[in-house]
């Protein structure tokens, strides 16, 4: 990294300050956990939307209900009940 750049030096100083202050470090870790939870929730809802689209298209084409469930369970590595 270019330590001579003022902006980079400021970022590194802030990171060092956060690491040295347990309260700020904990706040940062909690923030990161919350962001990961939001990201994970978004992935789940996107997966659910995709599954619903696949089911709708399969039904429009007259696909067998049991076969659609088996395919979804296999593709997403989930139980047939969840599918």
C-alpha atoms as a PDB file:
ATOM      1  CA  UNK A   1       0.000   0.000   0.000  1.00  0.00           C
ATOM      2  CA  UNK A   2       1.047   3.567  -0.603  1.00  0.00           C
ATOM      3  CA  UNK A   3       1.582   4.907   2.935  1.00  0.00           C
ATOM      4  CA  UNK A   4       2.682   8.263   1.567  1.00  0.00           C
ATOM      5  CA  UNK A   5      -0.809   9.043   0.308  1.00  0.00           C
ATOM      6  CA  UNK A   6      -2.598  11.216   2.908  1.00  0.00           C
ATOM      7  CA  UNK A   7      -5.956   9.527   2.378  1.00  0.00           C
ATOM      8  CA  UNK A   8      -4.489   6.032   2.827  1.00  0.00           C
ATOM      9  CA  UNK A   9      -2.614   7.189   5.924  1.00  0.00           C
ATOM     10  CA  UNK A  10      -5.857   8.567   7.404  1.00  0.00           C
ATOM     11  CA  UNK A  11      -7.676   5.293   6.750  1.00  0.00           C
ATOM     12  CA  UNK A  12      -4.865   3.278   8.310  1.00  0.00           C
ATOM     13  CA  UNK A  13      -4.820   5.574  11.356  1.00  0.00           C
ATOM     14  CA  UNK A  14      -8.594   5.168  11.761  1.00  0.00           C
ATOM     15  CA  UNK A  15      -8.334   1.377  11.489  1.00  0.00           C
ATOM     16  CA  UNK A  16      -5.582   1.355  14.106  1.00  0.00           C
ATOM     17  CA  UNK A  17      -7.685   3.587  16.372  1.00  0.00           C
ATOM     18  CA  UNK A  18     -10.686   1.267  16.053  1.00  0.00           C
ATOM     19  CA  UNK A  19      -8.568  -1.803  16.789  1.00  0.00           C
ATOM     20  CA  UNK A  20      -7.132  -0.148  19.889  1.00  0.00           C
ATOM     21  CA  UNK A  21     -10.545   0.913  21.248  1.00  0.00           C
ATOM     22  CA  UNK A  22     -12.543  -2.191  22.229  1.00  0.00           C
ATOM     23  CA  UNK A  23     -15.873  -0.369  22.276  1.00  0.00           C
ATOM     24  CA  UNK A  24     -15.418   0.985  18.748  1.00  0.00           C
ATOM     25  CA  UNK A  25     -14.139  -2.412  17.589  1.00  0.00           C
ATOM     26  CA  UNK A  26     -17.239  -4.111  19.006  1.00  0.00           C
ATOM     27  CA  UNK A  27     -19.518  -1.543  17.360  1.00  0.00           C
ATOM     28  CA  UNK A  28     -17.774  -2.185  14.044  1.00  0.00           C
ATOM     29  CA  UNK A  29     -18.140  -5.967  14.408  1.00  0.00           C
ATOM     30  CA  UNK A  30     -21.844  -5.641  15.272  1.00  0.00           C
ATOM     31  CA  UNK A  31     -22.341  -3.409  12.240  1.00  0.00           C
ATOM     32  CA  UNK A  32     -20.646  -5.983  10.013  1.00  0.00           C
ATOM     33  CA  UNK A  33     -22.840  -8.760  11.435  1.00  0.00           C
ATOM     34  CA  UNK A  34     -25.979  -6.725  10.742  1.00  0.00           C
ATOM     35  CA  UNK A  35     -24.858  -6.076   7.173  1.00  0.00           C
ATOM     36  CA  UNK A  36     -24.171  -9.794   6.650  1.00  0.00           C
ATOM     37  CA  UNK A  37     -27.622 -10.670   8.011  1.00  0.00           C
ATOM     38  CA  UNK A  38     -29.246  -8.198   5.612  1.00  0.00           C
ATOM     39  CA  UNK A  39     -27.237  -9.610   2.733  1.00  0.00           C
ATOM     40  CA  UNK A  40     -28.187 -13.179   3.658  1.00  0.00           C
ATOM     41  CA  UNK A  41     -31.862 -12.228   3.938  1.00  0.00           C
ATOM     42  CA  UNK A  42     -31.682 -10.650   0.489  1.00  0.00           C
ATOM     43  CA  UNK A  43     -30.174 -13.815  -0.961  1.00  0.00           C
ATOM     44  CA  UNK A  44     -32.969 -15.905   0.565  1.00  0.00           C
ATOM     45  CA  UNK A  45     -35.707 -13.672  -0.801  1.00  0.00           C
ATOM     46  CA  UNK A  46     -34.056 -13.623  -4.238  1.00  0.00           C
ATOM     47  CA  UNK A  47     -33.837 -17.422  -4.177  1.00  0.00           C
ATOM     48  CA  UNK A  48     -37.521 -17.616  -3.228  1.00  0.00           C
ATOM     49  CA  UNK A  49     -38.490 -15.306  -6.108  1.00  0.00           C
ATOM     50  CA  UNK A  50     -36.489 -17.456  -8.518  1.00  0.00           C
ATOM     51  CA  UNK A  51     -38.109 -20.634  -7.228  1.00  0.00           C
ATOM     52  CA  UNK A  52     -41.585 -19.134  -7.617  1.00  0.00           C
ATOM     53  CA  UNK A  53     -40.790 -18.126 -11.207  1.00  0.00           C
ATOM     54  CA  UNK A  54     -39.578 -21.641 -11.984  1.00  0.00           C
ATOM     55  CA  UNK A  55     -42.701 -23.189 -10.481  1.00  0.00           C
ATOM     56  CA  UNK A  56     -44.973 -20.823 -12.410  1.00  0.00           C
ATOM     57  CA  UNK A  57     -43.240 -21.564 -15.707  1.00  0.00           C
ATOM     58  CA  UNK A  58     -43.290 -25.305 -15.048  1.00  0.00           C
ATOM     59  CA  UNK A  59     -47.029 -25.140 -14.314  1.00  0.00           C
ATOM     60  CA  UNK A  60     -47.651 -23.128 -17.492  1.00  0.00           C
ATOM     61  CA  UNK A  61     -45.907 -25.852 -19.469  1.00  0.00           C
ATOM     62  CA  UNK A  62     -47.950 -28.556 -17.773  1.00  0.00           C
ATOM     63  CA  UNK A  63     -45.058 -30.097 -15.852  1.00  0.00           C
ATOM     64  CA  UNK A  64     -45.814 -32.779 -13.288  1.00  0.00           C
ATOM     65  CA  UNK A  65     -46.037 -31.290  -9.790  1.00  0.00           C
ATOM     66  CA  UNK A  66     -43.991 -34.096  -8.211  1.00  0.00           C
ATOM     67  CA  UNK A  67     -41.255 -33.787 -10.808  1.00  0.00           C
ATOM     68  CA  UNK A  68     -41.006 -30.022 -10.260  1.00  0.00           C
ATOM     69  CA  UNK A  69     -40.638 -30.527  -6.506  1.00  0.00           C
ATOM     70  CA  UNK A  70     -38.014 -33.233  -6.999  1.00  0.00           C
ATOM     71  CA  UNK A  71     -36.054 -31.023  -9.418  1.00  0.00           C
ATOM     72  CA  UNK A  72     -36.148 -28.001  -7.084  1.00  0.00           C
ATOM     73  CA  UNK A  73     -35.097 -30.105  -4.091  1.00  0.00           C
ATOM     74  CA  UNK A  74     -32.216 -31.568  -6.085  1.00  0.00           C
ATOM     75  CA  UNK A  75     -31.082 -28.273  -7.642  1.00  0.00           C
ATOM     76  CA  UNK A  76     -31.190 -26.230  -4.414  1.00  0.00           C
ATOM     77  CA  UNK A  77     -30.119 -29.139  -2.185  1.00  0.00           C
ATOM     78  CA  UNK A  78     -33.201 -28.766   0.012  1.00  0.00           C
ATOM     79  CA  UNK A  79     -35.806 -31.213   1.268  1.00  0.00           C
ATOM     80  CA  UNK A  80     -38.842 -32.032  -0.843  1.00  0.00           C
ATOM     81  CA  UNK A  81     -40.995 -30.551   1.923  1.00  0.00           C
ATOM     82  CA  UNK A  82     -39.139 -27.240   1.674  1.00  0.00           C
ATOM     83  CA  UNK A  83     -39.350 -27.335  -2.116  1.00  0.00           C
END
